[in-house]
PDB file of N, CA and C in Angstrom:
ATOM      1  N   VAL A   1     -58.312  82.543 -32.866  1.00  0.00           N
ATOM      2  CA  VAL A   1     -58.164  82.673 -34.282  1.00  0.00           C
ATOM      3  C   VAL A   1     -59.361  82.282 -35.147  1.00  0.00           C
ATOM      4  N   GLN A   2     -59.719  83.073 -35.994  1.00  0.00           N
ATOM      5  CA  GLN A   2     -60.930  82.750 -36.742  1.00  0.00           C
ATOM      6  C   GLN A   2     -60.515  82.652 -38.189  1.00  0.00           C
ATOM      7  N   LEU A   3     -60.953  81.585 -39.047  1.00  0.00           N
ATOM      8  CA  LEU A   3     -60.749  81.285 -40.276  1.00  0.00           C
ATOM      9  C   LEU A   3     -62.132  81.122 -41.120  1.00  0.00           C
ATOM     10  N   GLN A   4     -62.196  81.846 -42.017  1.00  0.00           N
ATOM     11  CA  GLN A   4     -63.396  82.021 -42.838  1.00  0.00           C
ATOM     12  C   GLN A   4     -63.104  81.446 -44.282  1.00  0.00           C
ATOM     13  N   ALA A   5     -63.582  80.453 -44.722  1.00  0.00           N
ATOM     14  CA  ALA A   5     -63.467  80.076 -46.159  1.00  0.00           C
ATOM     15  C   ALA A   5     -64.622  80.454 -46.811  1.00  0.00           C
ATOM     16  N   SER A   6     -64.373  80.698 -48.030  1.00  0.00           N
ATOM     17  CA  SER A   6     -65.460  81.145 -49.054  1.00  0.00           C
ATOM     18  C   SER A   6     -65.135  80.789 -50.468  1.00  0.00           C
ATOM     19  N   GLY A   7     -65.895  80.801 -51.354  1.00  0.00           N
ATOM     20  CA  GLY A   7     -65.739  80.646 -52.831  1.00  0.00           C
ATOM     21  C   GLY A   7     -66.180  79.424 -53.419  1.00  0.00           C
ATOM     22  N   GLY A   8     -66.692  78.582 -52.589  1.00  0.00           N
ATOM     23  CA  GLY A   8     -67.354  77.397 -53.142  1.00  0.00           C
ATOM     24  C   GLY A   8     -68.666  77.615 -54.067  1.00  0.00           C
ATOM     25  N   GLY A   9     -69.098  76.643 -54.628  1.00  0.00           N
ATOM     26  CA  GLY A   9     -70.121  76.649 -55.582  1.00  0.00           C
ATOM     27  C   GLY A   9     -70.340  75.402 -56.319  1.00  0.00           C
ATOM     28  N   LEU A  10     -71.145  75.508 -57.212  1.00  0.00           N
ATOM     29  CA  LEU A  10     -71.494  74.409 -58.184  1.00  0.00           C
ATOM     30  C   LEU A  10     -70.806  74.795 -59.570  1.00  0.00           C
ATOM     31  N   VAL A  11     -70.165  73.686 -60.050  1.00  0.00           N
ATOM     32  CA  VAL A  11     -69.205  73.875 -61.283  1.00  0.00           C
ATOM     33  C   VAL A  11     -69.397  72.580 -62.045  1.00  0.00           C
ATOM     34  N   GLN A  12     -69.341  72.623 -63.267  1.00  0.00           N
ATOM     35  CA  GLN A  12     -69.287  71.463 -64.110  1.00  0.00           C
ATOM     36  C   GLN A  12     -67.992  70.803 -64.164  1.00  0.00           C
ATOM     37  N   ALA A  13     -67.714  69.688 -64.454  1.00  0.00           N
ATOM     38  CA  ALA A  13     -66.598  68.893 -64.536  1.00  0.00           C
ATOM     39  C   ALA A  13     -65.681  69.709 -65.504  1.00  0.00           C
ATOM     40  N   GLY A  14     -64.428  69.940 -65.272  1.00  0.00           N
ATOM     41  CA  GLY A  14     -63.507  70.659 -66.171  1.00  0.00           C
ATOM     42  C   GLY A  14     -63.359  72.158 -65.899  1.00  0.00           C
ATOM     43  N   GLY A  15     -64.293  72.623 -65.038  1.00  0.00           N
ATOM     44  CA  GLY A  15     -64.313  74.062 -64.638  1.00  0.00           C
ATOM     45  C   GLY A  15     -63.421  74.347 -63.525  1.00  0.00           C
ATOM     46  N   SER A  16     -63.450  75.500 -63.204  1.00  0.00           N
ATOM     47  CA  SER A  16     -62.414  76.081 -62.156  1.00  0.00           C
ATOM     48  C   SER A  16     -63.101  76.916 -61.008  1.00  0.00           C
ATOM     49  N   LEU A  17     -62.614  76.909 -59.965  1.00  0.00           N
ATOM     50  CA  LEU A  17     -63.118  77.733 -58.732  1.00  0.00           C
ATOM     51  C   LEU A  17     -62.035  78.201 -58.056  1.00  0.00           C
ATOM     52  N   ARG A  18     -62.033  79.396 -57.336  1.00  0.00           N
ATOM     53  CA  ARG A  18     -60.819  79.805 -56.379  1.00  0.00           C
ATOM     54  C   ARG A  18     -61.531  79.936 -55.068  1.00  0.00           C
ATOM     55  N   LEU A  19     -60.887  79.291 -54.095  1.00  0.00           N
ATOM     56  CA  LEU A  19     -61.444  79.422 -52.813  1.00  0.00           C
ATOM     57  C   LEU A  19     -60.428  80.522 -51.943  1.00  0.00           C
ATOM     58  N   SER A  20     -61.104  80.967 -50.968  1.00  0.00           N
ATOM     59  CA  SER A  20     -60.267  82.111 -50.070  1.00  0.00           C
ATOM     60  C   SER A  20     -60.600  81.658 -48.902  1.00  0.00           C
ATOM     61  N   CYS A  21     -59.598  81.922 -47.943  1.00  0.00           N
ATOM     62  CA  CYS A  21     -59.642  81.695 -46.378  1.00  0.00           C
ATOM     63  C   CYS A  21     -59.164  83.004 -45.841  1.00  0.00           C
ATOM     64  N   ALA A  22     -59.935  83.680 -45.139  1.00  0.00           N
ATOM     65  CA  ALA A  22     -59.433  84.933 -44.414  1.00  0.00           C
ATOM     66  C   ALA A  22     -59.193  84.462 -43.134  1.00  0.00           C
ATOM     67  N   ALA A  23     -58.095  84.849 -42.383  1.00  0.00           N
ATOM     68  CA  ALA A  23     -57.647  84.590 -41.104  1.00  0.00           C
ATOM     69  C   ALA A  23     -57.466  85.883 -40.314  1.00  0.00           C
ATOM     70  N   SER A  24     -57.951  85.855 -38.993  1.00  0.00           N
ATOM     71  CA  SER A  24     -57.995  86.986 -38.121  1.00  0.00           C
ATOM     72  C   SER A  24     -57.476  86.360 -36.749  1.00  0.00           C
ATOM     73  N   GLY A  25     -56.897  87.285 -36.023  1.00  0.00           N
ATOM     74  CA  GLY A  25     -56.423  86.751 -34.615  1.00  0.00           C
ATOM     75  C   GLY A  25     -55.163  86.160 -34.497  1.00  0.00           C
ATOM     76  N   THR A  26     -54.428  86.202 -35.690  1.00  0.00           N
ATOM     77  CA  THR A  26     -53.153  85.570 -35.810  1.00  0.00           C
ATOM     78  C   THR A  26     -52.048  86.289 -36.448  1.00  0.00           C
ATOM     79  N   ILE A  27     -50.824  86.134 -36.219  1.00  0.00           N
ATOM     80  CA  ILE A  27     -49.912  86.669 -37.210  1.00  0.00           C
ATOM     81  C   ILE A  27     -49.630  85.824 -38.298  1.00  0.00           C
ATOM     82  N   PHE A  28     -50.578  86.177 -39.216  1.00  0.00           N
ATOM     83  CA  PHE A  28     -50.744  85.306 -40.371  1.00  0.00           C
ATOM     84  C   PHE A  28     -49.542  84.798 -41.284  1.00  0.00           C
ATOM     85  N   SER A  29     -48.654  85.875 -41.447  1.00  0.00           N
ATOM     86  CA  SER A  29     -47.436  85.786 -42.154  1.00  0.00           C
ATOM     87  C   SER A  29     -46.443  84.532 -41.659  1.00  0.00           C
ATOM     88  N   ILE A  30     -46.427  84.330 -40.417  1.00  0.00           N
ATOM     89  CA  ILE A  30     -45.611  83.176 -40.007  1.00  0.00           C
ATOM     90  C   ILE A  30     -46.282  81.890 -39.949  1.00  0.00           C
ATOM     91  N   ASN A  31     -47.673  81.801 -40.389  1.00  0.00           N
ATOM     92  CA  ASN A  31     -48.372  80.607 -40.224  1.00  0.00           C
ATOM     93  C   ASN A  31     -48.113  79.683 -41.318  1.00  0.00           C
ATOM     94  N   PHE A  32     -48.048  78.241 -41.039  1.00  0.00           N
ATOM     95  CA  PHE A  32     -48.134  77.272 -41.947  1.00  0.00           C
ATOM     96  C   PHE A  32     -49.525  76.916 -41.988  1.00  0.00           C
ATOM     97  N   MET A  33     -50.058  77.069 -43.352  1.00  0.00           N
ATOM     98  CA  MET A  33     -51.411  76.987 -43.723  1.00  0.00           C
ATOM     99  C   MET A  33     -51.752  75.817 -44.754  1.00  0.00           C
ATOM    100  N   GLY A  34     -52.870  75.220 -44.546  1.00  0.00           N
ATOM    101  CA  GLY A  34     -53.340  74.058 -45.359  1.00  0.00           C
ATOM    102  C   GLY A  34     -54.799  74.015 -45.632  1.00  0.00           C
ATOM    103  N   TRP A  35     -55.105  73.537 -46.922  1.00  0.00           N
ATOM    104  CA  TRP A  35     -56.485  73.419 -47.251  1.00  0.00           C
ATOM    105  C   TRP A  35     -56.746  71.984 -47.115  1.00  0.00           C
ATOM    106  N   TYR A  36     -57.895  71.700 -46.551  1.00  0.00           N
ATOM    107  CA  TYR A  36     -58.571  70.307 -46.277  1.00  0.00           C
ATOM    108  C   TYR A  36     -59.742  70.152 -47.048  1.00  0.00           C
ATOM    109  N   ARG A  37     -60.271  68.986 -47.315  1.00  0.00           N
ATOM    110  CA  ARG A  37     -61.599  68.816 -47.789  1.00  0.00           C
ATOM    111  C   ARG A  37     -62.123  67.464 -47.140  1.00  0.00           C
ATOM    112  N   GLN A  38     -63.474  67.463 -47.158  1.00  0.00           N
ATOM    113  CA  GLN A  38     -64.078  66.250 -46.581  1.00  0.00           C
ATOM    114  C   GLN A  38     -65.323  66.025 -47.540  1.00  0.00           C
ATOM    115  N   ALA A  39     -65.184  64.771 -48.225  1.00  0.00           N
ATOM    116  CA  ALA A  39     -66.245  64.324 -48.944  1.00  0.00           C
ATOM    117  C   ALA A  39     -67.287  63.679 -48.291  1.00  0.00           C
ATOM    118  N   PRO A  40     -68.517  63.485 -48.772  1.00  0.00           N
ATOM    119  CA  PRO A  40     -69.639  62.761 -48.039  1.00  0.00           C
ATOM    120  C   PRO A  40     -69.208  61.311 -47.571  1.00  0.00           C
ATOM    121  N   GLY A  41     -69.223  61.119 -46.431  1.00  0.00           N
ATOM    122  CA  GLY A  41     -69.068  59.704 -45.987  1.00  0.00           C
ATOM    123  C   GLY A  41     -67.562  59.293 -45.844  1.00  0.00           C
ATOM    124  N   LYS A  42     -66.699  60.325 -46.103  1.00  0.00           N
ATOM    125  CA  LYS A  42     -65.354  60.115 -46.051  1.00  0.00           C
ATOM    126  C   LYS A  42     -64.568  60.906 -45.033  1.00  0.00           C
ATOM    127  N   GLN A  43     -63.235  60.541 -44.777  1.00  0.00           N
ATOM    128  CA  GLN A  43     -62.430  61.257 -43.662  1.00  0.00           C
ATOM    129  C   GLN A  43     -62.006  62.589 -44.298  1.00  0.00           C
ATOM    130  N   ARG A  44     -61.719  63.631 -43.417  1.00  0.00           N
ATOM    131  CA  ARG A  44     -61.192  64.790 -43.978  1.00  0.00           C
ATOM    132  C   ARG A  44     -59.855  64.607 -44.496  1.00  0.00           C
ATOM    133  N   GLU A  45     -59.344  65.077 -45.440  1.00  0.00           N
ATOM    134  CA  GLU A  45     -58.052  64.849 -46.031  1.00  0.00           C
ATOM    135  C   GLU A  45     -57.362  66.169 -46.222  1.00  0.00           C
ATOM    136  N   LEU A  46     -55.912  66.116 -46.126  1.00  0.00           N
ATOM    137  CA  LEU A  46     -55.246  67.477 -46.344  1.00  0.00           C
ATOM    138  C   LEU A  46     -54.910  67.442 -47.962  1.00  0.00           C
ATOM    139  N   VAL A  47     -55.102  68.477 -48.687  1.00  0.00           N
ATOM    140  CA  VAL A  47     -54.924  68.478 -50.048  1.00  0.00           C
ATOM    141  C   VAL A  47     -53.779  69.453 -50.512  1.00  0.00           C
ATOM    142  N   ALA A  48     -53.543  70.572 -49.764  1.00  0.00           N
ATOM    143  CA  ALA A  48     -52.480  71.417 -49.987  1.00  0.00           C
ATOM    144  C   ALA A  48     -51.957  72.265 -48.934  1.00  0.00           C
ATOM    145  N   THR A  49     -50.697  72.481 -48.896  1.00  0.00           N
ATOM    146  CA  THR A  49     -50.061  73.210 -47.608  1.00  0.00           C
ATOM    147  C   THR A  49     -49.376  74.349 -48.311  1.00  0.00           C
ATOM    148  N   ILE A  50     -49.104  75.453 -47.431  1.00  0.00           N
ATOM    149  CA  ILE A  50     -48.079  76.269 -47.998  1.00  0.00           C
ATOM    150  C   ILE A  50     -47.385  76.910 -46.616  1.00  0.00           C
ATOM    151  N   THR A  51     -46.089  76.961 -46.634  1.00  0.00           N
ATOM    152  CA  THR A  51     -45.342  77.512 -45.586  1.00  0.00           C
ATOM    153  C   THR A  51     -45.371  78.971 -45.622  1.00  0.00           C
ATOM    154  N   SER A  52     -44.729  79.554 -44.447  1.00  0.00           N
ATOM    155  CA  SER A  52     -44.585  81.076 -44.395  1.00  0.00           C
ATOM    156  C   SER A  52     -43.564  81.564 -45.540  1.00  0.00           C
ATOM    157  N   GLY A  53     -42.819  80.664 -46.063  1.00  0.00           N
ATOM    158  CA  GLY A  53     -41.637  80.991 -47.040  1.00  0.00           C
ATOM    159  C   GLY A  53     -42.250  80.643 -48.327  1.00  0.00           C
ATOM    160  N   GLU A  54     -43.537  80.211 -48.419  1.00  0.00           N
ATOM    161  CA  GLU A  54     -44.394  79.942 -49.787  1.00  0.00           C
ATOM    162  C   GLU A  54     -43.840  78.728 -50.392  1.00  0.00           C
ATOM    163  N   THR A  55     -43.301  77.668 -49.467  1.00  0.00           N
ATOM    164  CA  THR A  55     -43.244  76.443 -50.154  1.00  0.00           C
ATOM    165  C   THR A  55     -44.525  75.806 -50.190  1.00  0.00           C
ATOM    166  N   THR A  56     -44.784  75.102 -51.236  1.00  0.00           N
ATOM    167  CA  THR A  56     -46.108  74.357 -51.290  1.00  0.00           C
ATOM    168  C   THR A  56     -45.994  72.927 -51.519  1.00  0.00           C
ATOM    169  N   ASN A  57     -47.045  72.265 -51.047  1.00  0.00           N
ATOM    170  CA  ASN A  57     -47.078  70.775 -51.304  1.00  0.00           C
ATOM    171  C   ASN A  57     -48.487  70.388 -51.606  1.00  0.00           C
ATOM    172  N   TYR A  58     -48.811  69.346 -52.281  1.00  0.00           N
ATOM    173  CA  TYR A  58     -50.027  68.901 -52.626  1.00  0.00           C
ATOM    174  C   TYR A  58     -50.300  67.332 -52.593  1.00  0.00           C
ATOM    175  N   ALA A  59     -51.463  66.991 -52.268  1.00  0.00           N
ATOM    176  CA  ALA A  59     -51.984  65.489 -52.393  1.00  0.00           C
ATOM    177  C   ALA A  59     -51.765  65.124 -53.891  1.00  0.00           C
ATOM    178  N   ASP A  60     -51.509  63.805 -54.001  1.00  0.00           N
ATOM    179  CA  ASP A  60     -51.451  63.438 -55.381  1.00  0.00           C
ATOM    180  C   ASP A  60     -52.713  63.557 -56.223  1.00  0.00           C
ATOM    181  N   SER A  61     -53.769  63.450 -55.428  1.00  0.00           N
ATOM    182  CA  SER A  61     -55.261  63.540 -56.418  1.00  0.00           C
ATOM    183  C   SER A  61     -55.340  65.080 -56.920  1.00  0.00           C
ATOM    184  N   VAL A  62     -54.537  66.065 -56.310  1.00  0.00           N
ATOM    185  CA  VAL A  62     -55.011  67.378 -56.889  1.00  0.00           C
ATOM    186  C   VAL A  62     -53.591  67.922 -57.487  1.00  0.00           C
ATOM    187  N   LYS A  63     -52.536  67.239 -57.410  1.00  0.00           N
ATOM    188  CA  LYS A  63     -51.358  67.953 -57.953  1.00  0.00           C
ATOM    189  C   LYS A  63     -51.335  68.113 -59.564  1.00  0.00           C
ATOM    190  N   GLY A  64     -50.939  69.260 -59.836  1.00  0.00           N
ATOM    191  CA  GLY A  64     -51.203  69.728 -61.340  1.00  0.00           C
ATOM    192  C   GLY A  64     -52.431  70.357 -61.573  1.00  0.00           C
ATOM    193  N   ARG A  65     -53.358  70.375 -60.820  1.00  0.00           N
ATOM    194  CA  ARG A  65     -54.727  70.810 -60.956  1.00  0.00           C
ATOM    195  C   ARG A  65     -55.013  72.034 -59.978  1.00  0.00           C
ATOM    196  N   PHE A  66     -54.492  71.955 -58.711  1.00  0.00           N
ATOM    197  CA  PHE A  66     -54.905  72.958 -57.817  1.00  0.00           C
ATOM    198  C   PHE A  66     -53.373  73.601 -57.479  1.00  0.00           C
ATOM    199  N   THR A  67     -53.643  74.850 -57.203  1.00  0.00           N
ATOM    200  CA  THR A  67     -52.650  75.907 -56.703  1.00  0.00           C
ATOM    201  C   THR A  67     -53.041  76.461 -55.403  1.00  0.00           C
ATOM    202  N   ILE A  68     -51.999  76.502 -54.366  1.00  0.00           N
ATOM    203  CA  ILE A  68     -52.252  77.168 -53.165  1.00  0.00           C
ATOM    204  C   ILE A  68     -51.302  78.297 -53.167  1.00  0.00           C
ATOM    205  N   SER A  69     -51.829  79.447 -52.661  1.00  0.00           N
ATOM    206  CA  SER A  69     -51.086  80.625 -52.585  1.00  0.00           C
ATOM    207  C   SER A  69     -51.444  81.514 -51.269  1.00  0.00           C
ATOM    208  N   ARG A  70     -50.857  82.458 -51.035  1.00  0.00           N
ATOM    209  CA  ARG A  70     -51.126  83.178 -49.923  1.00  0.00           C
ATOM    210  C   ARG A  70     -50.996  84.827 -50.222  1.00  0.00           C
ATOM    211  N   ASP A  71     -51.605  85.618 -49.582  1.00  0.00           N
ATOM    212  CA  ASP A  71     -51.419  87.121 -49.538  1.00  0.00           C
ATOM    213  C   ASP A  71     -51.469  87.640 -48.078  1.00  0.00           C
ATOM    214  N   ASN A  72     -50.211  87.835 -47.585  1.00  0.00           N
ATOM    215  CA  ASN A  72     -49.981  88.231 -46.206  1.00  0.00           C
ATOM    216  C   ASN A  72     -50.447  89.515 -45.893  1.00  0.00           C
ATOM    217  N   ALA A  73     -50.591  90.410 -46.739  1.00  0.00           N
ATOM    218  CA  ALA A  73     -51.114  91.684 -46.734  1.00  0.00           C
ATOM    219  C   ALA A  73     -52.680  91.638 -46.401  1.00  0.00           C
ATOM    220  N   LYS A  74     -53.215  90.715 -46.913  1.00  0.00           N
ATOM    221  CA  LYS A  74     -54.602  90.470 -46.760  1.00  0.00           C
ATOM    222  C   LYS A  74     -55.145  89.202 -45.807  1.00  0.00           C
ATOM    223  N   ASN A  75     -54.050  88.692 -45.190  1.00  0.00           N
ATOM    224  CA  ASN A  75     -54.312  87.562 -44.143  1.00  0.00           C
ATOM    225  C   ASN A  75     -55.154  86.407 -44.838  1.00  0.00           C
ATOM    226  N   THR A  76     -54.771  86.225 -45.981  1.00  0.00           N
ATOM    227  CA  THR A  76     -55.612  85.182 -46.746  1.00  0.00           C
ATOM    228  C   THR A  76     -54.762  84.222 -47.555  1.00  0.00           C
ATOM    229  N   VAL A  77     -55.395  83.071 -47.471  1.00  0.00           N
ATOM    230  CA  VAL A  77     -54.762  81.895 -48.198  1.00  0.00           C
ATOM    231  C   VAL A  77     -55.693  81.464 -49.328  1.00  0.00           C
ATOM    232  N   TYR A  78     -55.326  81.238 -50.507  1.00  0.00           N
ATOM    233  CA  TYR A  78     -56.190  80.797 -51.667  1.00  0.00           C
ATOM    234  C   TYR A  78     -55.853  79.384 -52.150  1.00  0.00           C
ATOM    235  N   LEU A  79     -56.988  78.831 -52.791  1.00  0.00           N
ATOM    236  CA  LEU A  79     -56.927  77.559 -53.587  1.00  0.00           C
ATOM    237  C   LEU A  79     -57.522  77.678 -54.973  1.00  0.00           C
ATOM    238  N   GLN A  80     -56.628  77.915 -55.952  1.00  0.00           N
ATOM    239  CA  GLN A  80     -57.033  77.892 -57.196  1.00  0.00           C
ATOM    240  C   GLN A  80     -57.309  76.481 -57.709  1.00  0.00           C
ATOM    241  N   MET A  81     -58.556  76.156 -58.023  1.00  0.00           N
ATOM    242  CA  MET A  81     -58.865  74.634 -58.413  1.00  0.00           C
ATOM    243  C   MET A  81     -59.189  74.781 -59.858  1.00  0.00           C
ATOM    244  N   ASN A  82     -58.450  74.000 -60.713  1.00  0.00           N
ATOM    245  CA  ASN A  82     -58.695  73.892 -62.039  1.00  0.00           C
ATOM    246  C   ASN A  82     -59.021  72.510 -62.659  1.00  0.00           C
ATOM    247  N   ASN A  83     -59.570  72.355 -63.738  1.00  0.00           N
ATOM    248  CA  ASN A  83     -59.839  71.072 -64.210  1.00  0.00           C
ATOM    249  C   ASN A  83     -60.736  70.102 -63.192  1.00  0.00           C
ATOM    250  N   LEU A  84     -61.623  70.602 -62.566  1.00  0.00           N
ATOM    251  CA  LEU A  84     -62.336  70.200 -61.370  1.00  0.00           C
ATOM    252  C   LEU A  84     -63.071  68.847 -61.913  1.00  0.00           C
ATOM    253  N   LYS A  85     -63.105  67.847 -61.030  1.00  0.00           N
ATOM    254  CA  LYS A  85     -63.674  66.474 -61.307  1.00  0.00           C
ATOM    255  C   LYS A  85     -64.748  66.220 -60.330  1.00  0.00           C
ATOM    256  N   PRO A  86     -65.640  65.314 -60.749  1.00  0.00           N
ATOM    257  CA  PRO A  86     -66.680  65.153 -59.765  1.00  0.00           C
ATOM    258  C   PRO A  86     -66.244  64.511 -58.332  1.00  0.00           C
ATOM    259  N   GLU A  87     -65.155  64.030 -58.326  1.00  0.00           N
ATOM    260  CA  GLU A  87     -64.498  63.396 -57.036  1.00  0.00           C
ATOM    261  C   GLU A  87     -63.900  64.474 -56.319  1.00  0.00           C
ATOM    262  N   ASP A  88     -63.786  65.772 -56.799  1.00  0.00           N
ATOM    263  CA  ASP A  88     -63.516  66.885 -55.883  1.00  0.00           C
ATOM    264  C   ASP A  88     -64.513  67.382 -55.125  1.00  0.00           C
ATOM    265  N   THR A  89     -65.670  66.926 -55.394  1.00  0.00           N
ATOM    266  CA  THR A  89     -66.922  67.416 -54.733  1.00  0.00           C
ATOM    267  C   THR A  89     -66.673  67.329 -53.066  1.00  0.00           C
ATOM    268  N   ALA A  90     -66.775  68.343 -52.315  1.00  0.00           N
ATOM    269  CA  ALA A  90     -66.593  68.109 -50.794  1.00  0.00           C
ATOM    270  C   ALA A  90     -66.597  69.563 -50.061  1.00  0.00           C
ATOM    271  N   VAL A  91     -66.729  69.482 -48.870  1.00  0.00           N
ATOM    272  CA  VAL A  91     -66.557  70.653 -48.085  1.00  0.00           C
ATOM    273  C   VAL A  91     -65.010  70.908 -47.954  1.00  0.00           C
ATOM    274  N   TYR A  92     -64.752  72.116 -48.345  1.00  0.00           N
ATOM    275  CA  TYR A  92     -63.412  72.340 -48.161  1.00  0.00           C
ATOM    276  C   TYR A  92     -62.956  73.620 -46.971  1.00  0.00           C
ATOM    277  N   TYR A  93     -61.991  73.195 -46.205  1.00  0.00           N
ATOM    278  CA  TYR A  93     -61.820  73.976 -44.981  1.00  0.00           C
ATOM    279  C   TYR A  93     -60.199  74.441 -45.056  1.00  0.00           C
ATOM    280  N   CYS A  94     -59.895  75.501 -44.429  1.00  0.00           N
ATOM    281  CA  CYS A  94     -58.498  75.798 -44.145  1.00  0.00           C
ATOM    282  C   CYS A  94     -58.235  75.821 -42.736  1.00  0.00           C
ATOM    283  N   ASN A  95     -56.885  75.609 -42.350  1.00  0.00           N
ATOM    284  CA  ASN A  95     -56.637  75.447 -40.967  1.00  0.00           C
ATOM    285  C   ASN A  95     -55.091  76.063 -40.988  1.00  0.00           C
ATOM    286  N   ARG A  96     -54.646  76.305 -39.938  1.00  0.00           N
ATOM    287  CA  ARG A  96     -53.175  76.532 -39.452  1.00  0.00           C
ATOM    288  C   ARG A  96     -52.569  75.125 -39.127  1.00  0.00           C
ATOM    289  N   LEU A  97     -51.376  75.006 -39.372  1.00  0.00           N
ATOM    290  CA  LEU A  97     -50.764  73.718 -39.243  1.00  0.00           C
ATOM    291  C   LEU A  97     -49.506  73.801 -38.414  1.00  0.00           C
ATOM    292  N   THR A  98     -49.217  72.749 -37.527  1.00  0.00           N
ATOM    293  CA  THR A  98     -48.099  72.628 -36.865  1.00  0.00           C
ATOM    294  C   THR A  98     -46.818  72.421 -37.806  1.00  0.00           C
ATOM    295  N   HIS A  99     -45.609  72.264 -37.465  1.00  0.00           N
ATOM    296  CA  HIS A  99     -44.606  71.955 -38.150  1.00  0.00           C
ATOM    297  C   HIS A  99     -44.633  70.580 -38.722  1.00  0.00           C
ATOM    298  N   GLN A 100     -45.419  69.752 -37.872  1.00  0.00           N
ATOM    299  CA  GLN A 100     -45.505  68.444 -38.261  1.00  0.00           C
ATOM    300  C   GLN A 100     -46.867  68.073 -39.234  1.00  0.00           C
ATOM    301  N   GLY A 101     -47.368  69.155 -39.535  1.00  0.00           N
ATOM    302  CA  GLY A 101     -48.395  69.102 -40.418  1.00  0.00           C
ATOM    303  C   GLY A 101     -49.875  68.677 -39.716  1.00  0.00           C
ATOM    304  N   ARG A 102     -49.996  68.967 -38.424  1.00  0.00           N
ATOM    305  CA  ARG A 102     -51.291  68.816 -37.864  1.00  0.00           C
ATOM    306  C   ARG A 102     -52.041  70.063 -37.820  1.00  0.00           C
ATOM    307  N   SER A 103     -53.347  69.756 -37.821  1.00  0.00           N
ATOM    308  CA  SER A 103     -54.268  71.083 -37.655  1.00  0.00           C
ATOM    309  C   SER A 103     -54.288  71.475 -36.287  1.00  0.00           C
ATOM    310  N   ILE A 104     -54.345  72.898 -36.204  1.00  0.00           N
ATOM    311  CA  ILE A 104     -54.254  73.596 -34.985  1.00  0.00           C
ATOM    312  C   ILE A 104     -55.644  74.070 -34.422  1.00  0.00           C
ATOM    313  N   ASP A 105     -56.500  74.711 -35.381  1.00  0.00           N
ATOM    314  CA  ASP A 105     -57.646  75.291 -34.842  1.00  0.00           C
ATOM    315  C   ASP A 105     -58.809  74.401 -35.159  1.00  0.00           C
ATOM    316  N   SER A 106     -60.013  75.003 -34.335  1.00  0.00           N
ATOM    317  CA  SER A 106     -61.155  74.057 -34.494  1.00  0.00           C
ATOM    318  C   SER A 106     -61.718  74.385 -36.031  1.00  0.00           C
ATOM    319  N   TRP A 107     -62.521  73.517 -36.369  1.00  0.00           N
ATOM    320  CA  TRP A 107     -62.959  73.531 -37.766  1.00  0.00           C
ATOM    321  C   TRP A 107     -64.196  74.561 -37.991  1.00  0.00           C
ATOM    322  N   GLY A 108     -64.032  75.365 -38.926  1.00  0.00           N
ATOM    323  CA  GLY A 108     -65.202  76.327 -39.116  1.00  0.00           C
ATOM    324  C   GLY A 108     -66.320  75.612 -40.114  1.00  0.00           C
ATOM    325  N   GLN A 109     -67.019  76.318 -40.726  1.00  0.00           N
ATOM    326  CA  GLN A 109     -68.077  75.869 -41.578  1.00  0.00           C
ATOM    327  C   GLN A 109     -67.664  75.262 -42.870  1.00  0.00           C
ATOM    328  N   GLY A 110     -66.374  75.673 -43.311  1.00  0.00           N
ATOM    329  CA  GLY A 110     -66.014  75.365 -44.675  1.00  0.00           C
ATOM    330  C   GLY A 110     -67.028  75.968 -45.773  1.00  0.00           C
ATOM    331  N   THR A 111     -66.570  75.550 -47.000  1.00  0.00           N
ATOM    332  CA  THR A 111     -67.199  76.069 -48.118  1.00  0.00           C
ATOM    333  C   THR A 111     -67.410  74.805 -49.060  1.00  0.00           C
ATOM    334  N   LEU A 112     -68.665  74.734 -49.529  1.00  0.00           N
ATOM    335  CA  LEU A 112     -68.963  73.480 -50.225  1.00  0.00           C
ATOM    336  C   LEU A 112     -68.765  73.581 -51.940  1.00  0.00           C
ATOM    337  N   VAL A 113     -67.961  72.714 -52.380  1.00  0.00           N
ATOM    338  CA  VAL A 113     -67.719  72.644 -53.766  1.00  0.00           C
ATOM    339  C   VAL A 113     -68.452  71.413 -54.430  1.00  0.00           C
ATOM    340  N   THR A 114     -69.131  71.558 -55.284  1.00  0.00           N
ATOM    341  CA  THR A 114     -69.853  70.602 -55.946  1.00  0.00           C
ATOM    342  C   THR A 114     -69.568  70.518 -57.446  1.00  0.00           C
ATOM    343  N   VAL A 115     -68.960  69.434 -58.049  1.00  0.00           N
ATOM    344  CA  VAL A 115     -68.786  69.360 -59.362  1.00  0.00           C
ATOM    345  C   VAL A 115     -69.614  68.289 -60.056  1.00  0.00           C
ATOM    346  N   SER A 116     -70.293  68.803 -60.940  1.00  0.00           N
ATOM    347  CA  SER A 116     -71.351  68.022 -61.560  1.00  0.00           C
ATOM    348  C   SER A 116     -70.580  67.283 -62.827  1.00  0.00           C
ATOM    349  N   SER A 117     -71.066  66.148 -63.202  1.00  0.00           N
ATOM    350  CA  SER A 117     -70.284  65.531 -64.393  1.00  0.00           C
ATOM    351  C   SER A 117     -71.121  65.702 -65.681  1.00  0.00           C
TER     352      SER A 117
END
């Protein structure tokens, strides 16, 4: 399975970005998917998940600002990030998840999001 995240960049606080993660080598529509992030010097954290039935869940730190969605026809999961804050600065990754919410695949390069104050 290959997961390619893209869409990161430099944005001012209060701005928006939309990240994409294209998957290949898997039956994407049945996958439980998640977006993670890792800030410098910190552990990787799970910020949003979406089930095959499109039930979503969010970390408290991003709730109300981030929206995860999926397009099964394009084998892609998205993360719409609004009202970005400097503390959202991190490398963002996507991954498939087990039913218990654990990551399945090896980590790719991710996509860097930098929010300036």
